[in-house]
Each structure stands twice: as C-alpha cells, then as structure tokens.
C-alpha cells in the first residue's frame, strides 16, 4: 500500500491503469484488510481509474474472508453501475460470503443467476452452495423461521 501511495504521487503512473490498484486490493485480501480494500475501490473511482471486475472480485473476496457478507453483497450490487461484469470468480466470492453469513437463500439465488448466465461454477462455489443448503436445513430443522412469509407460519401451525 505504501508503494501505491508513492506511485500515486507520480500521477502518470496510476492515472489510467487499474493494475497497481488491483495488486493493492489483492494484497488487502491476503491480509484481511477489507476496509482498506473498499477505500482503494473508492480511490480508483475518485482518480477516474476503471473499477473493473478484477478489483471488485478481489474486494468481494476480501469481505468474504472477513465475514462481511453485507459489504460483499453491496459491492456486487454496485458492479453494473460501474460497468463491471461479474464473472465466475465474483459470483463464487459473493456466494461464499452469503453462505458463511448464514444467508443461504441469497447464496442459492446468486447460484441460480450464475448458472443462468452460463458461468462455470468452481469446486469452491459448489462447496459454498452445499454449505449454504446445509445451514438452511439446520435452520429449518431447529424451527427457526427461514423467511417472513405467511406460508411458513401456516406450515408451523399445522405441525
């Protein structure tokens, strides 16, 4: 990050390239610095550097590793506005974040969207989806309401 700061002092080096930012965001992922990762994404936008799929995927993965599923989902939602197209890696990271955060329905919904877009899930993505389903099943088995729909209440009363 220090190196990126030094490079930014020489604006021409980072002015039009996302490569130094992508490298810095990836470094944040490796040391679980999710907040710095988000700051770097913001800095990219302020510097008018393209916030691309690589930068978003790395930031989402950083949030996933830090158990920050809401932030991962927020980043994922912003991608179309920034003209960044989610790829299989992006979907895998946000699905894992949701699965780890107990958001099994969202993980399944994202997996459905991923497959509709004809993106190839990795083994890690399949594992995250299975884990999400497992957590959802435990939640239902324990009697915890998986959703706020009236059908759930009616089903519970009928038992």
Protein backbone atom coordinates (compact mmCIF):
# COMPACT_ATOMS: atom_id res chain seq x y z
CA UNK A 1 0.00 0.00 0.00
CA UNK A 2 2.92 2.30 0.71
CA UNK A 3 4.18 1.63 -2.80
CA UNK A 4 0.78 2.51 -4.30
CA UNK A 5 0.79 5.77 -2.32
CA UNK A 6 4.23 6.59 -3.66
CA UNK A 7 3.11 5.77 -7.20
CA UNK A 8 0.05 8.00 -6.80
CA UNK A 9 2.37 10.92 -6.09
CA UNK A 10 3.55 10.40 -9.65
CA UNK A 11 0.03 10.56 -11.09
CA UNK A 12 1.02 9.46 -14.56
CA UNK A 13 1.89 6.01 -13.23
CA UNK A 14 -1.59 5.26 -11.91
CA UNK A 15 -3.72 7.75 -13.79
CA UNK A 16 -5.14 5.39 -16.35
CA UNK A 17 -4.17 1.96 -15.06
CA UNK A 18 -6.09 -0.28 -12.73
CA UNK A 19 -3.16 -2.70 -12.41
CA UNK A 20 -1.50 -1.08 -9.34
CA UNK A 21 -4.88 -0.79 -7.63
CA UNK A 22 -5.81 -4.40 -8.43
CA UNK A 23 -2.48 -5.55 -6.98
CA UNK A 24 -3.02 -3.50 -3.82
CA UNK A 25 -6.58 -4.80 -3.39
CA UNK A 26 -5.33 -8.36 -3.84
CA UNK A 27 -2.71 -7.67 -1.16
CA UNK A 28 -5.50 -6.46 1.15
CA UNK A 29 -7.29 -9.76 0.56
CA UNK A 30 -4.26 -11.75 1.68
CA UNK A 31 -4.00 -9.83 4.97
CA UNK A 32 -7.77 -9.49 5.61
CA UNK A 33 -7.83 -5.70 5.28
CA UNK A 34 -11.37 -5.44 3.90
CA UNK A 35 -11.79 -1.77 4.87
CA UNK A 36 -8.61 -0.76 3.02
CA UNK A 37 -9.84 -2.77 0.05
CA UNK A 38 -13.04 -0.69 -0.03
CA UNK A 39 -11.02 2.52 0.35
CA UNK A 40 -8.91 1.54 -2.64
CA UNK A 41 -12.03 0.94 -4.75
CA UNK A 42 -13.27 4.41 -3.80
CA UNK A 43 -9.89 5.91 -4.61
CA UNK A 44 -9.99 4.25 -8.03
CA UNK A 45 -13.30 5.95 -8.76
CA UNK A 46 -12.05 9.32 -7.50
CA UNK A 47 -8.93 9.02 -9.66
CA UNK A 48 -11.13 8.10 -12.63
CA UNK A 49 -9.45 4.71 -12.91
CA UNK A 50 -11.70 1.94 -14.21
CA UNK A 51 -13.04 -0.15 -11.35
CA UNK A 52 -13.01 -3.45 -13.19
CA UNK A 53 -14.16 -6.98 -12.46
CA UNK A 54 -10.75 -7.91 -11.04
CA UNK A 55 -10.86 -5.10 -8.47
CA UNK A 56 -14.44 -5.89 -7.46
CA UNK A 57 -13.80 -9.64 -7.26
CA UNK A 58 -10.77 -9.13 -5.03
CA UNK A 59 -12.67 -6.70 -2.78
CA UNK A 60 -15.67 -9.03 -2.53
CA UNK A 61 -13.32 -11.90 -1.68
CA UNK A 62 -11.65 -9.73 0.98
CA UNK A 63 -15.08 -9.05 2.52
CA UNK A 64 -15.97 -12.74 2.33
CA UNK A 65 -12.80 -13.74 4.18
CA UNK A 66 -13.54 -11.12 6.86
CA UNK A 67 -17.14 -12.41 7.27
CA UNK A 68 -18.54 -9.15 5.92
CA UNK A 69 -21.32 -10.60 3.77
CA UNK A 70 -23.36 -7.37 3.63
CA UNK A 71 -20.42 -5.43 2.25
CA UNK A 72 -19.76 -8.21 -0.27
CA UNK A 73 -23.38 -8.02 -1.45
CA UNK A 74 -23.25 -4.22 -1.61
CA UNK A 75 -20.16 -4.36 -3.82
CA UNK A 76 -21.76 -6.98 -6.02
CA UNK A 77 -24.86 -4.79 -6.41
CA UNK A 78 -22.79 -1.75 -7.42
CA UNK A 79 -20.87 -3.55 -10.16
CA UNK A 80 -23.35 -2.88 -13.01
CA UNK A 81 -23.37 0.84 -12.18
CA UNK A 82 -19.58 0.84 -12.53
CA UNK A 83 -19.79 -1.16 -15.77
CA UNK A 84 -18.00 -4.13 -14.22
CA UNK A 85 -19.38 -7.50 -15.31
CA UNK A 86 -19.38 -10.18 -12.57
CA UNK A 87 -17.56 -13.35 -13.61
CA UNK A 88 -17.42 -16.84 -12.08
CA UNK A 89 -14.84 -15.70 -9.52
CA UNK A 90 -17.02 -12.77 -8.46
CA UNK A 91 -20.08 -14.99 -8.08
CA UNK A 92 -18.07 -17.59 -6.17
CA UNK A 93 -16.83 -14.98 -3.69
CA UNK A 94 -20.24 -13.42 -3.06
CA UNK A 95 -21.91 -16.85 -2.79
CA UNK A 96 -19.27 -17.89 -0.24
CA UNK A 97 -19.81 -14.65 1.69
CA UNK A 98 -23.55 -15.28 1.84
CA UNK A 99 -23.11 -18.94 2.77
CA UNK A 100 -20.67 -18.08 5.56
CA UNK A 101 -23.03 -15.37 6.79
CA UNK A 102 -25.95 -17.79 7.01
CA UNK A 103 -27.73 -16.20 4.05
CA UNK A 104 -28.49 -19.48 2.35
CA UNK A 105 -31.45 -18.24 0.31
CA UNK A 106 -29.35 -15.42 -1.14
CA UNK A 107 -26.49 -17.85 -1.86
CA UNK A 108 -28.90 -20.12 -3.77
CA UNK A 109 -30.42 -17.20 -5.64
CA UNK A 110 -26.98 -15.97 -6.70
CA UNK A 111 -26.03 -19.50 -7.77
CA UNK A 112 -29.18 -19.64 -9.90
CA UNK A 113 -28.28 -16.32 -11.56
CA UNK A 114 -24.73 -17.54 -12.10
CA UNK A 115 -25.86 -20.66 -13.91
CA UNK A 116 -28.45 -18.70 -15.93
CA UNK A 117 -25.59 -16.55 -17.16
CA UNK A 118 -23.80 -19.72 -18.26
CA UNK A 119 -20.87 -19.12 -15.89
CA UNK A 120 -18.99 -22.25 -14.82
CA UNK A 121 -19.04 -22.74 -11.01
CA UNK A 122 -15.80 -23.87 -9.42
CA UNK A 123 -15.49 -26.60 -6.83
CA UNK A 124 -15.27 -23.87 -4.19
CA UNK A 125 -18.56 -22.38 -5.40
CA UNK A 126 -20.29 -25.78 -5.33
CA UNK A 127 -18.95 -26.34 -1.81
CA UNK A 128 -20.24 -22.93 -0.69
CA UNK A 129 -23.71 -23.67 -2.12
CA UNK A 130 -23.81 -27.07 -0.42
CA UNK A 131 -22.70 -25.46 2.85
CA UNK A 132 -25.42 -22.81 2.47
CA UNK A 133 -28.06 -25.51 1.94
CA UNK A 134 -26.79 -27.42 4.93
CA UNK A 135 -27.05 -24.31 7.12
CA UNK A 136 -30.54 -23.61 5.76
CA UNK A 137 -31.64 -27.17 6.50
CA UNK A 138 -30.34 -26.93 10.09
CA UNK A 139 -32.20 -23.63 10.50
CA UNK A 140 -35.48 -25.15 9.31
CA UNK A 141 -34.96 -28.31 11.40
CA UNK A 142 -34.37 -26.20 14.52
CA UNK A 143 -37.71 -24.47 14.00
CA UNK A 144 -36.20 -21.12 13.14
CA UNK A 145 -38.21 -19.31 10.56
CA UNK A 146 -36.30 -19.20 7.25
CA UNK A 147 -38.42 -16.36 5.88
CA UNK A 148 -41.17 -13.99 6.93
CA UNK A 149 -43.79 -15.39 4.61
CA UNK A 150 -47.22 -16.32 5.90
CA UNK A 151 -46.90 -19.79 4.36
CA UNK A 152 -44.12 -20.57 6.87
CA UNK A 153 -46.34 -19.61 9.81
CA UNK A 154 -49.20 -21.75 8.46
CA UNK A 155 -46.88 -24.73 7.97
CA UNK A 156 -45.55 -24.39 11.52
CA UNK A 157 -49.08 -24.21 12.99
CA UNK A 158 -50.17 -27.33 11.08
CA UNK A 159 -47.43 -29.42 12.72
